[in-house]
């Protein structure tokens, strides 16, 4: 298994040495703001549901309805916690970890993210005991993008392995309807976007930057027969 082979495309004409000439630049403060915007956007729904549920619970006297409110509050709280755990590892500094991360932490974060996506099945093909922190972040953000492209659910398979000093990451999705915005694809593979970097493109920019800094590149296959593959290669020591 290699990310390049599974992506099903010829290698990108852009190489690590070319990225500085084509990638967009953004200040750390501005990029942090974009990540915060993305985080707030994703948390708005479950946190809003918590607020609405508490308001309903305060006015409700029927025992059955109060029980239903409690169930909704529990679901919203769990969703909020799962999203925070995922984004902490995908976007944050992950200060509790060293230069490497146990892949089981990434798997747990992804399973939490997918817990509300009842129609999506996760396949995990990562046998390594530890992965560089940068690789884990790239894997998580690729997974986030791939999952959102899987509009009606399906299967999401994740693999990673080291070969000849290179780390290869693959995220494969299959389902009845897959939609990947052209700007997201362009940001992943080229590090550019027509209208600049936005909160919607922040995860893709992070993937591109992490992989480029690791001396690698990102490939995205053409969509065919309800299947799409995202691949990335980078130095196994990138951290």
Protein backbone atom coordinates (compact mmCIF):
# COMPACT_ATOMS: atom_id res chain seq x y z
CA UNK A 1 0.00 0.00 0.00
CA UNK A 2 1.28 3.44 -0.90
CA UNK A 3 -0.58 6.74 -0.74
CA UNK A 4 0.44 7.56 -4.29
CA UNK A 5 -0.69 4.23 -5.71
CA UNK A 6 -4.01 4.20 -3.90
CA UNK A 7 -4.78 7.79 -4.85
CA UNK A 8 -4.94 6.58 -8.42
CA UNK A 9 -3.33 9.66 -9.96
CA UNK A 10 -0.01 10.56 -11.47
CA UNK A 11 2.23 12.40 -9.08
CA UNK A 12 1.60 16.10 -8.72
CA UNK A 13 3.96 18.35 -10.71
CA UNK A 14 4.56 20.29 -7.50
CA UNK A 15 7.31 19.03 -5.21
CA UNK A 16 8.36 20.03 -1.73
CA UNK A 17 10.91 22.46 -3.11
CA UNK A 18 8.24 24.19 -5.17
CA UNK A 19 5.68 24.68 -2.40
CA UNK A 20 7.05 27.97 -1.14
CA UNK A 21 6.52 29.45 -4.56
CA UNK A 22 2.90 28.38 -4.92
CA UNK A 23 1.50 28.12 -1.41
CA UNK A 24 -0.49 30.93 0.10
CA UNK A 25 0.84 32.64 3.21
CA UNK A 26 -1.07 33.79 6.26
CA UNK A 27 -0.03 35.17 9.62
CA UNK A 28 -0.17 32.79 12.61
CA UNK A 29 -2.74 35.05 14.29
CA UNK A 30 -5.01 35.08 11.24
CA UNK A 31 -4.74 31.33 10.81
CA UNK A 32 -5.50 30.76 14.49
CA UNK A 33 -8.57 32.97 14.03
CA UNK A 34 -9.72 30.82 11.09
CA UNK A 35 -9.34 27.65 13.12
CA UNK A 36 -11.32 29.21 15.96
CA UNK A 37 -14.04 30.19 13.50
CA UNK A 38 -14.17 26.64 12.19
CA UNK A 39 -14.33 25.23 15.70
CA UNK A 40 -17.11 27.62 16.73
CA UNK A 41 -19.07 26.81 13.57
CA UNK A 42 -18.96 23.08 14.28
CA UNK A 43 -19.84 23.48 17.96
CA UNK A 44 -22.66 25.96 17.41
CA UNK A 45 -25.28 23.29 16.67
CA UNK A 46 -24.70 20.91 19.62
CA UNK A 47 -24.12 23.74 22.09
CA UNK A 48 -27.22 25.52 20.81
CA UNK A 49 -29.19 22.31 21.28
CA UNK A 50 -27.95 22.17 24.88
CA UNK A 51 -29.21 25.68 25.51
CA UNK A 52 -32.59 24.95 23.90
CA UNK A 53 -32.93 21.73 25.86
CA UNK A 54 -32.26 23.48 29.15
CA UNK A 55 -34.89 26.11 28.35
CA UNK A 56 -37.45 23.41 27.52
CA UNK A 57 -36.57 21.47 30.65
CA UNK A 58 -37.13 24.54 32.83
CA UNK A 59 -40.70 24.94 31.55
CA UNK A 60 -41.68 21.31 31.13
CA UNK A 61 -43.67 19.50 33.83
CA UNK A 62 -44.66 16.30 32.03
CA UNK A 63 -42.37 13.48 33.24
CA UNK A 64 -42.16 11.81 29.81
CA UNK A 65 -41.21 15.06 28.09
CA UNK A 66 -38.68 15.88 30.79
CA UNK A 67 -37.08 12.48 30.21
CA UNK A 68 -36.95 13.18 26.49
CA UNK A 69 -35.33 16.56 27.18
CA UNK A 70 -32.72 14.84 29.33
CA UNK A 71 -31.95 12.39 26.52
CA UNK A 72 -31.51 15.25 24.04
CA UNK A 73 -29.27 17.09 26.49
CA UNK A 74 -27.16 13.98 26.94
CA UNK A 75 -26.80 13.51 23.17
CA UNK A 76 -25.84 17.15 22.64
CA UNK A 77 -23.32 17.09 25.49
CA UNK A 78 -21.71 13.92 24.10
CA UNK A 79 -21.52 15.39 20.59
CA UNK A 80 -19.95 18.59 21.92
CA UNK A 81 -17.36 16.65 23.92
CA UNK A 82 -16.51 14.40 20.97
CA UNK A 83 -16.00 17.36 18.66
CA UNK A 84 -13.80 19.13 21.20
CA UNK A 85 -11.65 16.01 21.66
CA UNK A 86 -11.23 15.68 17.90
CA UNK A 87 -10.37 19.33 17.31
CA UNK A 88 -7.99 19.40 20.26
CA UNK A 89 -5.88 16.73 18.57
CA UNK A 90 -6.47 17.88 14.97
CA UNK A 91 -6.02 21.64 15.49
CA UNK A 92 -4.47 22.09 18.92
CA UNK A 93 -0.93 21.83 20.21
CA UNK A 94 -1.71 18.49 21.91
CA UNK A 95 0.61 19.47 24.73
CA UNK A 96 -0.01 16.23 26.59
CA UNK A 97 1.82 14.36 23.84
CA UNK A 98 5.50 14.35 22.92
CA UNK A 99 6.86 14.38 19.39
CA UNK A 100 4.88 11.24 18.60
CA UNK A 101 1.27 10.25 19.22
CA UNK A 102 -0.27 6.85 19.81
CA UNK A 103 -2.51 6.19 16.76
CA UNK A 104 -5.14 4.84 19.12
CA UNK A 105 -5.67 8.42 20.29
CA UNK A 106 -6.39 9.44 16.70
CA UNK A 107 -8.72 6.48 16.20
CA UNK A 108 -10.68 7.33 19.36
CA UNK A 109 -11.02 10.95 18.21
CA UNK A 110 -12.27 9.87 14.77
CA UNK A 111 -14.73 7.36 16.25
CA UNK A 112 -16.11 10.15 18.42
CA UNK A 113 -16.46 12.44 15.42
CA UNK A 114 -18.31 9.73 13.50
CA UNK A 115 -20.54 8.71 16.41
CA UNK A 116 -23.38 10.87 15.08
CA UNK A 117 -22.87 9.67 11.51
CA UNK A 118 -24.81 6.45 11.89
CA UNK A 119 -24.50 5.70 8.17
CA UNK A 120 -20.70 5.85 8.08
CA UNK A 121 -18.50 2.84 8.87
CA UNK A 122 -14.87 3.30 9.88
CA UNK A 123 -12.12 0.99 8.69
CA UNK A 124 -8.79 1.32 10.53
CA UNK A 125 -5.59 0.05 8.88
CA UNK A 126 -2.89 1.63 11.04
CA UNK A 127 -0.59 -0.83 12.81
CA UNK A 128 2.14 1.57 13.98
CA UNK A 129 2.71 1.99 17.71
CA UNK A 130 3.43 5.71 17.28
CA UNK A 131 3.21 8.36 14.57
CA UNK A 132 4.79 11.82 14.35
CA UNK A 133 2.51 14.52 15.71
CA UNK A 134 2.46 16.32 12.35
CA UNK A 135 1.41 13.13 10.58
CA UNK A 136 -1.42 12.57 13.04
CA UNK A 137 -2.69 16.10 12.47
CA UNK A 138 -2.53 15.62 8.71
CA UNK A 139 -4.38 12.31 9.01
CA UNK A 140 -7.11 13.79 11.23
CA UNK A 141 -7.68 16.80 9.01
CA UNK A 142 -7.75 14.64 5.87
CA UNK A 143 -10.33 12.48 7.64
CA UNK A 144 -12.41 15.54 8.53
CA UNK A 145 -12.46 16.68 4.90
CA UNK A 146 -13.14 13.19 3.56
CA UNK A 147 -15.98 12.61 6.01
CA UNK A 148 -17.67 15.85 4.99
CA UNK A 149 -17.38 14.82 1.33
CA UNK A 150 -19.23 11.60 2.16
CA UNK A 151 -22.60 13.34 2.02
CA UNK A 152 -24.90 10.34 2.48
CA UNK A 153 -22.62 8.12 4.49
CA UNK A 154 -20.80 4.99 3.43
CA UNK A 155 -17.37 3.67 4.38
CA UNK A 156 -14.31 5.59 5.49
CA UNK A 157 -11.07 3.60 5.51
CA UNK A 158 -7.86 5.01 6.97
CA UNK A 159 -4.40 3.58 6.51
CA UNK A 160 -0.85 4.66 7.33
CA UNK A 161 2.50 2.93 7.05
CA UNK A 162 6.20 3.70 6.91
CA UNK A 163 8.29 2.62 3.93
CA UNK A 164 11.89 3.58 3.16
CA UNK A 165 11.84 6.48 5.59
CA UNK A 166 8.60 7.87 4.19
CA UNK A 167 5.24 7.86 5.92
CA UNK A 168 2.28 7.21 3.66
CA UNK A 169 -1.26 8.15 4.67
CA UNK A 170 -4.40 7.09 2.82
CA UNK A 171 -8.03 8.02 3.48
CA UNK A 172 -10.49 6.21 1.19
CA UNK A 173 -14.21 6.95 1.09
CA UNK A 174 -16.97 5.09 -0.70
CA UNK A 175 -20.65 5.95 -0.76
CA UNK A 176 -23.67 6.78 -2.89
CA UNK A 177 -22.91 10.50 -3.01
CA UNK A 178 -19.49 12.13 -2.71
CA UNK A 179 -18.95 15.88 -3.13
CA UNK A 180 -15.58 17.59 -2.78
CA UNK A 181 -15.43 21.30 -3.46
CA UNK A 182 -12.89 22.22 -6.13
CA UNK A 183 -11.32 24.85 -3.86
CA UNK A 184 -10.80 22.26 -1.12
CA UNK A 185 -9.12 19.96 -3.62
CA UNK A 186 -6.93 22.78 -4.89
CA UNK A 187 -5.95 23.83 -1.39
CA UNK A 188 -5.03 20.26 -0.46
CA UNK A 189 -2.89 19.61 -3.50
CA UNK A 190 -1.52 23.06 -4.36
CA UNK A 191 -1.92 25.19 -1.25
CA UNK A 192 -3.78 27.90 -3.14
CA UNK A 193 -7.36 29.16 -3.42
CA UNK A 194 -9.03 31.72 -5.66
CA UNK A 195 -10.50 33.74 -2.79
CA UNK A 196 -7.75 33.23 -0.22
CA UNK A 197 -7.75 31.09 2.91
CA UNK A 198 -11.10 30.94 4.70
CA UNK A 199 -12.29 29.03 7.75
CA UNK A 200 -13.84 26.47 5.37
CA UNK A 201 -10.40 25.85 3.85
CA UNK A 202 -8.42 25.98 7.09
CA UNK A 203 -8.22 22.20 7.54
CA UNK A 204 -7.07 21.71 3.94
CA UNK A 205 -4.44 24.44 4.32
CA UNK A 206 -3.16 22.76 7.49
CA UNK A 207 -2.86 19.40 5.71
CA UNK A 208 -1.01 20.94 2.77
CA UNK A 209 1.35 22.89 5.02
CA UNK A 210 2.15 19.99 7.35
CA UNK A 211 2.82 17.63 4.46
CA UNK A 212 4.89 20.20 2.53
CA UNK A 213 6.99 20.92 5.62
CA UNK A 214 7.57 17.17 5.84
CA UNK A 215 8.97 17.16 2.31
CA UNK A 216 5.92 15.52 0.78
CA UNK A 217 2.80 16.16 -1.22
CA UNK A 218 -0.94 15.48 -1.19
CA UNK A 219 -2.89 13.72 -3.92
CA UNK A 220 -6.65 13.46 -4.39
CA UNK A 221 -8.07 10.94 -6.84
CA UNK A 222 -10.78 11.69 -9.33
CA UNK A 223 -14.21 10.58 -8.17
CA UNK A 224 -15.24 7.36 -9.84
CA UNK A 225 -18.06 4.93 -9.11
CA UNK A 226 -18.70 6.44 -5.70
CA UNK A 227 -15.10 6.17 -4.51
CA UNK A 228 -12.50 8.83 -3.70
CA UNK A 229 -9.03 8.48 -2.21
CA UNK A 230 -6.91 11.08 -0.42
CA UNK A 231 -3.20 10.30 -0.16
CA UNK A 232 -0.25 12.04 1.47
CA UNK A 233 3.41 11.20 1.79
CA UNK A 234 5.90 12.86 4.13
CA UNK A 235 9.11 12.13 5.98
CA UNK A 236 8.60 9.52 8.68
CA UNK A 237 10.53 11.75 11.09
CA UNK A 238 8.36 14.84 10.48
CA UNK A 239 7.08 16.08 13.79
